[in-house]
Each structure stands twice: as structure tokens, then as C-alpha cells.
Amino acid sequence: MFFGFYFLKKTIKTVQKLEEPSPESKFCSRILDLDASIRFAGILCKCGRLKAYRRKKGMTPQLNVPETKLLHREALLKAKMNRVFDKPLGKTNWSVESRDRVKWINVYHEKDIILISTEIASNHDEIVQKILSML
């Protein structure tokens, strides 16, 4: 009986740990809270894997899963290509891409890329400055 209770207690602790959001997920949530125009925040590692992300509640993704993965690869490729100019121009700190329906902001932090999607009318410079102050 004692062993069964111990096992159950251990299992409950394990499940609680699994349900606890990671520091990266918490960071993404904090980014979403910065501005009402932010639709999505994610952290892309140097290998192209999305470490964590948060999407604004009620927001429907504009891209399907394969398109989203392709967009992440594009962000990674752009970051790698930008490194060519690091010596003469300095490293890239962040970039913004404005499209007809959305703005994509990439903030470069160590070996990761913080991906942010916003409404087109967002003040991207203000959002970037807030994110930089969190790093």
C-alpha cells in the first residue's frame, strides 16, 4: 500500500511539472501582453525548431502548418545571410517585414530569433523597444 501511494504521489508531481509552462512560453506570453496588436510570439532556435510560442486568444492562423514551417525557415535563412555583413556593418539586432495583412518582426537574441506577428497598423518600433528592454 505504501509503495502504491508513493507512486501515485510521484506521478501527480510529474504531471504538474509537465503542465507548468516553460520559461520560453512565459516569455512569449509576456510579449503578447505588451501590445494589443500582437497576434503571435514565438522563439525559433538556430536549428529552425520553434521552442515555444503563444497566439492571441481567438486569433485564427493565417498560414497552414507547412506554410508556417516555411516561414520559419525563411526567417532562419535571412538571419544566416545577414551575418555576411556583420563585420562591415555590425550585427543585425532586429528586422521588420510589412505585408498587406500582417507585419513580421524578428528580434535576434543570442542564437535564437524571437518571431512576432502583428496587425499592420502596429507601432513596430515601440514593440521592438519593449522586447529589447525585456532581454
N, C-alpha and C. Protein backbone atom coordinates (compact mmCIF):
# COMPACT_ATOMS: atom_id res chain seq x y z
N MET A 1 0.82 -1.20 0.00
CA MET A 1 0.00 0.00 0.00
C MET A 1 0.86 1.25 0.00
N PHE A 2 1.92 1.26 0.81
CA PHE A 2 2.79 2.43 0.88
C PHE A 2 3.42 2.72 -0.48
N PHE A 3 3.88 1.66 -1.16
CA PHE A 3 4.51 1.84 -2.48
C PHE A 3 3.51 2.44 -3.47
N GLY A 4 2.26 1.96 -3.46
CA GLY A 4 1.23 2.48 -4.36
C GLY A 4 0.97 3.96 -4.13
N PHE A 5 0.93 4.38 -2.87
CA PHE A 5 0.71 5.78 -2.53
C PHE A 5 1.89 6.63 -3.00
N TYR A 6 3.11 6.12 -2.75
CA TYR A 6 4.32 6.83 -3.17
C TYR A 6 4.33 7.01 -4.69
N PHE A 7 4.00 5.95 -5.42
CA PHE A 7 3.98 6.00 -6.88
C PHE A 7 2.95 7.02 -7.37
N LEU A 8 1.76 7.04 -6.77
CA LEU A 8 0.71 7.97 -7.16
C LEU A 8 1.15 9.41 -6.89
N LYS A 9 1.75 9.64 -5.74
CA LYS A 9 2.24 10.98 -5.38
C LYS A 9 3.31 11.44 -6.38
N LYS A 10 4.21 10.56 -6.74
CA LYS A 10 5.28 10.86 -7.69
C LYS A 10 4.69 11.17 -9.07
N THR A 11 3.70 10.42 -9.49
CA THR A 11 3.04 10.62 -10.78
C THR A 11 2.35 11.98 -10.84
N ILE A 12 1.67 12.35 -9.76
CA ILE A 12 0.99 13.65 -9.71
C ILE A 12 2.00 14.78 -9.83
N LYS A 13 3.13 14.68 -9.13
CA LYS A 13 4.17 15.71 -9.22
C LYS A 13 4.71 15.81 -10.65
N THR A 14 4.90 14.67 -11.30
CA THR A 14 5.40 14.65 -12.68
C THR A 14 4.42 15.34 -13.61
N VAL A 15 3.14 15.04 -13.47
CA VAL A 15 2.12 15.66 -14.31
C VAL A 15 2.07 17.16 -14.07
N GLN A 16 2.20 17.61 -12.83
CA GLN A 16 2.19 19.03 -12.52
C GLN A 16 3.37 19.73 -13.19
N LYS A 17 4.53 19.09 -13.18
CA LYS A 17 5.70 19.67 -13.83
C LYS A 17 5.49 19.78 -15.34
N LEU A 18 4.86 18.78 -15.94
CA LEU A 18 4.61 18.81 -17.38
C LEU A 18 3.63 19.91 -17.76
N GLU A 19 2.68 20.21 -16.89
CA GLU A 19 1.68 21.22 -17.18
C GLU A 19 2.21 22.63 -16.94
N GLU A 20 3.29 22.77 -16.23
CA GLU A 20 3.86 24.07 -15.93
C GLU A 20 4.49 24.65 -17.20
N PRO A 21 4.14 25.88 -17.57
CA PRO A 21 4.71 26.46 -18.79
C PRO A 21 6.22 26.68 -18.65
N SER A 22 6.92 26.50 -19.74
CA SER A 22 8.37 26.69 -19.75
C SER A 22 8.68 28.19 -19.65
N PRO A 23 9.91 28.53 -19.27
CA PRO A 23 10.29 29.95 -19.24
C PRO A 23 10.11 30.62 -20.60
N GLU A 24 10.37 29.87 -21.67
CA GLU A 24 10.20 30.41 -23.02
C GLU A 24 8.73 30.72 -23.31
N SER A 25 7.84 29.83 -22.89
CA SER A 25 6.41 30.05 -23.08
C SER A 25 5.93 31.25 -22.27
N LYS A 26 6.44 31.37 -21.07
CA LYS A 26 6.09 32.53 -20.23
C LYS A 26 6.58 33.83 -20.89
N PHE A 27 7.76 33.78 -21.47
CA PHE A 27 8.31 34.95 -22.17
C PHE A 27 7.41 35.33 -23.34
N CYS A 28 6.97 34.34 -24.11
CA CYS A 28 6.07 34.60 -25.23
C CYS A 28 4.76 35.22 -24.75
N SER A 29 4.25 34.77 -23.63
CA SER A 29 3.03 35.33 -23.05
C SER A 29 3.24 36.79 -22.66
N ARG A 30 4.40 37.07 -22.10
CA ARG A 30 4.73 38.46 -21.72
C ARG A 30 4.79 39.36 -22.95
N ILE A 31 5.30 38.82 -24.06
CA ILE A 31 5.34 39.60 -25.30
C ILE A 31 3.93 39.90 -25.77
N LEU A 32 3.06 38.91 -25.76
CA LEU A 32 1.67 39.13 -26.17
C LEU A 32 1.01 40.23 -25.35
N ASP A 33 1.36 40.33 -24.09
CA ASP A 33 0.78 41.33 -23.21
C ASP A 33 1.30 42.74 -23.44
N LEU A 34 2.36 42.88 -24.24
CA LEU A 34 2.97 44.20 -24.46
C LEU A 34 2.08 45.15 -25.26
N ASP A 35 1.34 44.59 -26.22
CA ASP A 35 0.59 45.44 -27.13
C ASP A 35 -0.59 44.65 -27.70
N ALA A 36 -1.74 45.30 -27.81
CA ALA A 36 -2.95 44.62 -28.30
C ALA A 36 -2.84 44.21 -29.76
N SER A 37 -1.93 44.81 -30.50
CA SER A 37 -1.80 44.48 -31.93
C SER A 37 -0.97 43.23 -32.19
N ILE A 38 -0.34 42.67 -31.16
CA ILE A 38 0.48 41.47 -31.34
C ILE A 38 -0.42 40.25 -31.46
N ARG A 39 -0.24 39.52 -32.56
CA ARG A 39 -1.05 38.33 -32.85
C ARG A 39 -0.37 37.04 -32.40
N PHE A 40 0.96 37.01 -32.50
CA PHE A 40 1.73 35.78 -32.28
C PHE A 40 3.11 36.16 -31.78
N ALA A 41 3.64 35.36 -30.86
CA ALA A 41 5.03 35.50 -30.41
C ALA A 41 5.62 34.10 -30.29
N GLY A 42 6.80 33.91 -30.83
CA GLY A 42 7.45 32.61 -30.77
C GLY A 42 8.96 32.74 -30.68
N ILE A 43 9.61 31.67 -30.28
CA ILE A 43 11.07 31.65 -30.19
C ILE A 43 11.57 30.51 -31.08
N LEU A 44 12.37 30.88 -32.06
CA LEU A 44 12.92 29.94 -33.02
C LEU A 44 14.38 29.71 -32.68
N CYS A 45 14.78 28.44 -32.50
CA CYS A 45 16.18 28.15 -32.19
C CYS A 45 17.00 28.14 -33.49
N LYS A 46 18.30 28.07 -33.35
CA LYS A 46 19.19 28.16 -34.51
C LYS A 46 19.03 26.99 -35.49
N CYS A 47 18.42 25.88 -35.03
CA CYS A 47 18.21 24.74 -35.93
C CYS A 47 16.87 24.85 -36.67
N GLY A 48 16.09 25.88 -36.37
CA GLY A 48 14.83 26.09 -37.07
C GLY A 48 13.61 25.52 -36.36
N ARG A 49 13.80 25.01 -35.16
CA ARG A 49 12.69 24.45 -34.38
C ARG A 49 12.06 25.54 -33.53
N LEU A 50 10.75 25.56 -33.49
CA LEU A 50 10.03 26.52 -32.66
C LEU A 50 10.06 26.01 -31.22
N LYS A 51 10.81 26.70 -30.37
CA LYS A 51 10.97 26.28 -28.97
C LYS A 51 9.70 26.50 -28.16
N ALA A 52 9.05 27.62 -28.42
CA ALA A 52 7.83 27.98 -27.70
C ALA A 52 7.10 29.03 -28.50
N TYR A 53 5.79 29.11 -28.27
CA TYR A 53 5.02 30.17 -28.92
C TYR A 53 3.72 30.39 -28.17
N ARG A 54 3.15 31.55 -28.40
CA ARG A 54 1.83 31.88 -27.89
C ARG A 54 1.11 32.67 -28.97
N ARG A 55 -0.17 32.38 -29.11
CA ARG A 55 -1.01 33.07 -30.08
C ARG A 55 -2.10 33.82 -29.33
N LYS A 56 -2.46 34.99 -29.81
CA LYS A 56 -3.52 35.77 -29.19
C LYS A 56 -4.81 34.96 -29.18
N LYS A 57 -5.51 34.99 -28.06
CA LYS A 57 -6.75 34.22 -27.93
C LYS A 57 -7.75 34.64 -28.99
N GLY A 58 -8.38 33.63 -29.59
CA GLY A 58 -9.39 33.89 -30.61
C GLY A 58 -8.82 34.18 -31.99
N MET A 59 -7.50 34.18 -32.12
CA MET A 59 -6.84 34.51 -33.38
C MET A 59 -6.69 33.24 -34.22
N THR A 60 -7.16 33.30 -35.45
CA THR A 60 -7.01 32.18 -36.37
C THR A 60 -5.72 32.37 -37.16
N PRO A 61 -4.87 31.34 -37.23
CA PRO A 61 -3.62 31.47 -38.01
C PRO A 61 -3.92 31.77 -39.47
N GLN A 62 -3.12 32.63 -40.07
CA GLN A 62 -3.30 32.97 -41.49
C GLN A 62 -2.60 31.98 -42.40
N LEU A 63 -1.70 31.18 -41.84
CA LEU A 63 -0.96 30.18 -42.62
C LEU A 63 -1.25 28.78 -42.08
N ASN A 64 -1.20 27.80 -42.97
CA ASN A 64 -1.32 26.42 -42.50
C ASN A 64 0.04 25.95 -41.98
N VAL A 65 0.10 24.74 -41.46
CA VAL A 65 1.33 24.25 -40.81
C VAL A 65 2.54 24.22 -41.77
N PRO A 66 2.42 23.66 -42.99
CA PRO A 66 3.59 23.67 -43.89
C PRO A 66 4.04 25.09 -44.25
N GLU A 67 3.10 26.00 -44.45
CA GLU A 67 3.46 27.39 -44.77
C GLU A 67 4.15 28.06 -43.58
N THR A 68 3.68 27.74 -42.37
CA THR A 68 4.30 28.31 -41.17
C THR A 68 5.74 27.81 -41.03
N LYS A 69 5.95 26.52 -41.26
CA LYS A 69 7.31 25.97 -41.18
C LYS A 69 8.22 26.61 -42.21
N LEU A 70 7.68 26.85 -43.38
CA LEU A 70 8.46 27.51 -44.44
C LEU A 70 8.82 28.94 -44.04
N LEU A 71 7.89 29.64 -43.42
CA LEU A 71 8.15 30.99 -42.95
C LEU A 71 9.25 31.00 -41.89
N HIS A 72 9.25 30.00 -41.02
CA HIS A 72 10.30 29.89 -40.00
C HIS A 72 11.65 29.64 -40.65
N ARG A 73 11.68 28.78 -41.66
CA ARG A 73 12.94 28.52 -42.38
C ARG A 73 13.44 29.79 -43.06
N GLU A 74 12.50 30.55 -43.62
CA GLU A 74 12.88 31.81 -44.28
C GLU A 74 13.52 32.77 -43.27
N ALA A 75 12.93 32.88 -42.08
CA ALA A 75 13.48 33.76 -41.04
C ALA A 75 14.89 33.32 -40.66
N LEU A 76 15.09 32.01 -40.53
CA LEU A 76 16.39 31.47 -40.19
C LEU A 76 17.41 31.73 -41.30
N LEU A 77 17.00 31.53 -42.53
CA LEU A 77 17.88 31.77 -43.67
C LEU A 77 18.27 33.24 -43.77
N LYS A 78 17.31 34.14 -43.59
CA LYS A 78 17.61 35.57 -43.62
C LYS A 78 18.62 35.94 -42.53
N ALA A 79 18.44 35.37 -41.34
CA ALA A 79 19.35 35.65 -40.24
C ALA A 79 20.77 35.18 -40.58
N LYS A 80 20.87 34.00 -41.19
CA LYS A 80 22.18 33.48 -41.57
C LYS A 80 22.81 34.34 -42.67
N MET A 81 21.99 34.77 -43.62
CA MET A 81 22.52 35.61 -44.71
C MET A 81 22.97 36.98 -44.19
N ASN A 82 22.26 37.50 -43.21
CA ASN A 82 22.63 38.80 -42.65
C ASN A 82 23.99 38.77 -41.98
N ARG A 83 24.41 37.62 -41.50
CA ARG A 83 25.70 37.51 -40.82
C ARG A 83 26.87 37.82 -41.75
N VAL A 84 26.64 37.71 -43.06
CA VAL A 84 27.69 38.03 -44.04
C VAL A 84 28.14 39.48 -43.88
N PHE A 85 27.21 40.33 -43.46
CA PHE A 85 27.51 41.76 -43.37
C PHE A 85 27.83 42.21 -41.95
N ASP A 86 27.97 41.27 -41.03
CA ASP A 86 28.25 41.64 -39.64
C ASP A 86 29.56 42.40 -39.48
N LYS A 87 30.59 41.97 -40.17
CA LYS A 87 31.89 42.62 -39.99
C LYS A 87 31.87 44.07 -40.48
N PRO A 88 31.43 44.35 -41.71
CA PRO A 88 31.47 45.75 -42.16
C PRO A 88 30.37 46.64 -41.57
N LEU A 89 29.19 46.06 -41.23
CA LEU A 89 28.05 46.89 -40.83
C LEU A 89 27.63 46.72 -39.38
N GLY A 90 28.09 45.66 -38.74
CA GLY A 90 27.63 45.33 -37.39
C GLY A 90 26.52 44.30 -37.47
N LYS A 91 26.24 43.67 -36.34
CA LYS A 91 25.24 42.60 -36.35
C LYS A 91 23.82 43.16 -36.48
N THR A 92 22.94 42.34 -37.01
CA THR A 92 21.53 42.71 -37.13
C THR A 92 20.88 42.49 -35.77
N ASN A 93 20.21 43.52 -35.27
CA ASN A 93 19.54 43.42 -33.97
C ASN A 93 18.09 42.99 -34.12
N TRP A 94 17.43 43.50 -35.15
CA TRP A 94 16.04 43.16 -35.41
C TRP A 94 15.70 43.57 -36.83
N SER A 95 14.60 43.01 -37.33
CA SER A 95 14.13 43.37 -38.66
C SER A 95 12.60 43.32 -38.67
N VAL A 96 12.03 44.03 -39.62
CA VAL A 96 10.58 44.04 -39.75
C VAL A 96 10.23 43.87 -41.23
N GLU A 97 9.20 43.10 -41.47
CA GLU A 97 8.71 42.87 -42.82
C GLU A 97 7.23 43.24 -42.82
N SER A 98 6.88 44.20 -43.66
CA SER A 98 5.49 44.65 -43.72
C SER A 98 4.83 44.07 -44.97
N ARG A 99 3.74 43.36 -44.77
CA ARG A 99 2.97 42.78 -45.86
C ARG A 99 1.60 43.45 -45.89
N ASP A 100 0.76 43.07 -46.82
CA ASP A 100 -0.57 43.69 -46.92
C ASP A 100 -1.43 43.44 -45.69
N ARG A 101 -1.30 42.26 -45.07
CA ARG A 101 -2.20 41.89 -43.98
C ARG A 101 -1.54 41.72 -42.61
N VAL A 102 -0.23 41.78 -42.57
CA VAL A 102 0.47 41.49 -41.32
C VAL A 102 1.87 42.08 -41.35
N LYS A 103 2.42 42.33 -40.17
CA LYS A 103 3.84 42.68 -40.02
C LYS A 103 4.52 41.53 -39.29
N TRP A 104 5.71 41.17 -39.77
CA TRP A 104 6.55 40.17 -39.12
C TRP A 104 7.76 40.88 -38.54
N ILE A 105 7.98 40.71 -37.26
CA ILE A 105 9.14 41.30 -36.59
C ILE A 105 10.03 40.16 -36.12
N ASN A 106 11.30 40.26 -36.44
CA ASN A 106 12.30 39.29 -35.96
C ASN A 106 13.28 40.03 -35.07
N VAL A 107 13.41 39.58 -33.84
CA VAL A 107 14.38 40.14 -32.90
C VAL A 107 15.42 39.06 -32.66
N TYR A 108 16.68 39.40 -32.91
CA TYR A 108 17.76 38.42 -32.78
C TYR A 108 18.33 38.50 -31.37
N HIS A 109 18.29 37.34 -30.68
CA HIS A 109 18.79 37.28 -29.30
C HIS A 109 19.65 36.04 -29.15
N GLU A 110 20.92 36.27 -28.91
CA GLU A 110 21.90 35.19 -28.81
C GLU A 110 21.77 34.33 -30.06
N LYS A 111 21.47 33.04 -29.91
CA LYS A 111 21.36 32.17 -31.09
C LYS A 111 19.92 31.95 -31.52
N ASP A 112 18.98 32.58 -30.83
CA ASP A 112 17.56 32.42 -31.13
C ASP A 112 17.01 33.63 -31.88
N ILE A 113 15.86 33.42 -32.50
CA ILE A 113 15.13 34.51 -33.16
C ILE A 113 13.76 34.58 -32.49
N ILE A 114 13.42 35.75 -32.02
CA ILE A 114 12.09 35.96 -31.45
C ILE A 114 11.22 36.44 -32.60
N LEU A 115 10.18 35.67 -32.90
CA LEU A 115 9.28 35.97 -34.01
C LEU A 115 8.00 36.61 -33.47
N ILE A 116 7.62 37.72 -34.04
CA ILE A 116 6.40 38.40 -33.62
C ILE A 116 5.59 38.75 -34.85
N SER A 117 4.31 38.43 -34.81
CA SER A 117 3.39 38.80 -35.86
C SER A 117 2.43 39.84 -35.28
N THR A 118 2.21 40.94 -36.01
CA THR A 118 1.34 42.00 -35.51
C THR A 118 0.35 42.43 -36.58
N GLU A 119 -0.64 43.18 -36.14
CA GLU A 119 -1.55 43.82 -37.08
C GLU A 119 -0.74 44.84 -37.88
N ILE A 120 -1.20 45.13 -39.08
CA ILE A 120 -0.45 46.00 -39.99
C ILE A 120 -0.26 47.42 -39.43
N ALA A 121 -1.21 47.90 -38.63
CA ALA A 121 -1.14 49.27 -38.11
C ALA A 121 -0.32 49.38 -36.82
N SER A 122 0.32 48.31 -36.41
CA SER A 122 1.08 48.33 -35.16
C SER A 122 2.26 49.28 -35.22
N ASN A 123 2.67 49.76 -34.06
CA ASN A 123 3.88 50.57 -33.95
C ASN A 123 5.04 49.61 -33.67
N HIS A 124 5.63 49.09 -34.75
CA HIS A 124 6.65 48.04 -34.59
C HIS A 124 7.88 48.52 -33.83
N ASP A 125 8.25 49.78 -33.99
CA ASP A 125 9.44 50.28 -33.29
C ASP A 125 9.20 50.27 -31.78
N GLU A 126 8.04 50.67 -31.35
CA GLU A 126 7.71 50.67 -29.93
C GLU A 126 7.70 49.23 -29.38
N ILE A 127 7.13 48.32 -30.15
CA ILE A 127 7.08 46.91 -29.73
C ILE A 127 8.50 46.34 -29.60
N VAL A 128 9.34 46.61 -30.58
CA VAL A 128 10.72 46.11 -30.55
C VAL A 128 11.46 46.67 -29.33
N GLN A 129 11.30 47.96 -29.07
CA GLN A 129 12.00 48.56 -27.92
C GLN A 129 11.54 47.93 -26.61
N LYS A 130 10.27 47.62 -26.49
CA LYS A 130 9.75 46.95 -25.29
C LYS A 130 10.35 45.56 -25.15
N ILE A 131 10.45 44.84 -26.27
CA ILE A 131 11.01 43.48 -26.22
C ILE A 131 12.49 43.55 -25.86
N LEU A 132 13.21 44.48 -26.46
CA LEU A 132 14.64 44.61 -26.15
C LEU A 132 14.87 44.93 -24.67
N SER A 133 13.97 45.69 -24.08
CA SER A 133 14.12 46.01 -22.66
C SER A 133 13.85 44.79 -21.77
N MET A 134 13.16 43.78 -22.32
CA MET A 134 12.90 42.54 -21.55
C MET A 134 14.07 41.58 -21.60
N LEU A 135 14.97 41.74 -22.55
CA LEU A 135 16.09 40.80 -22.72
C LEU A 135 17.22 41.09 -21.75
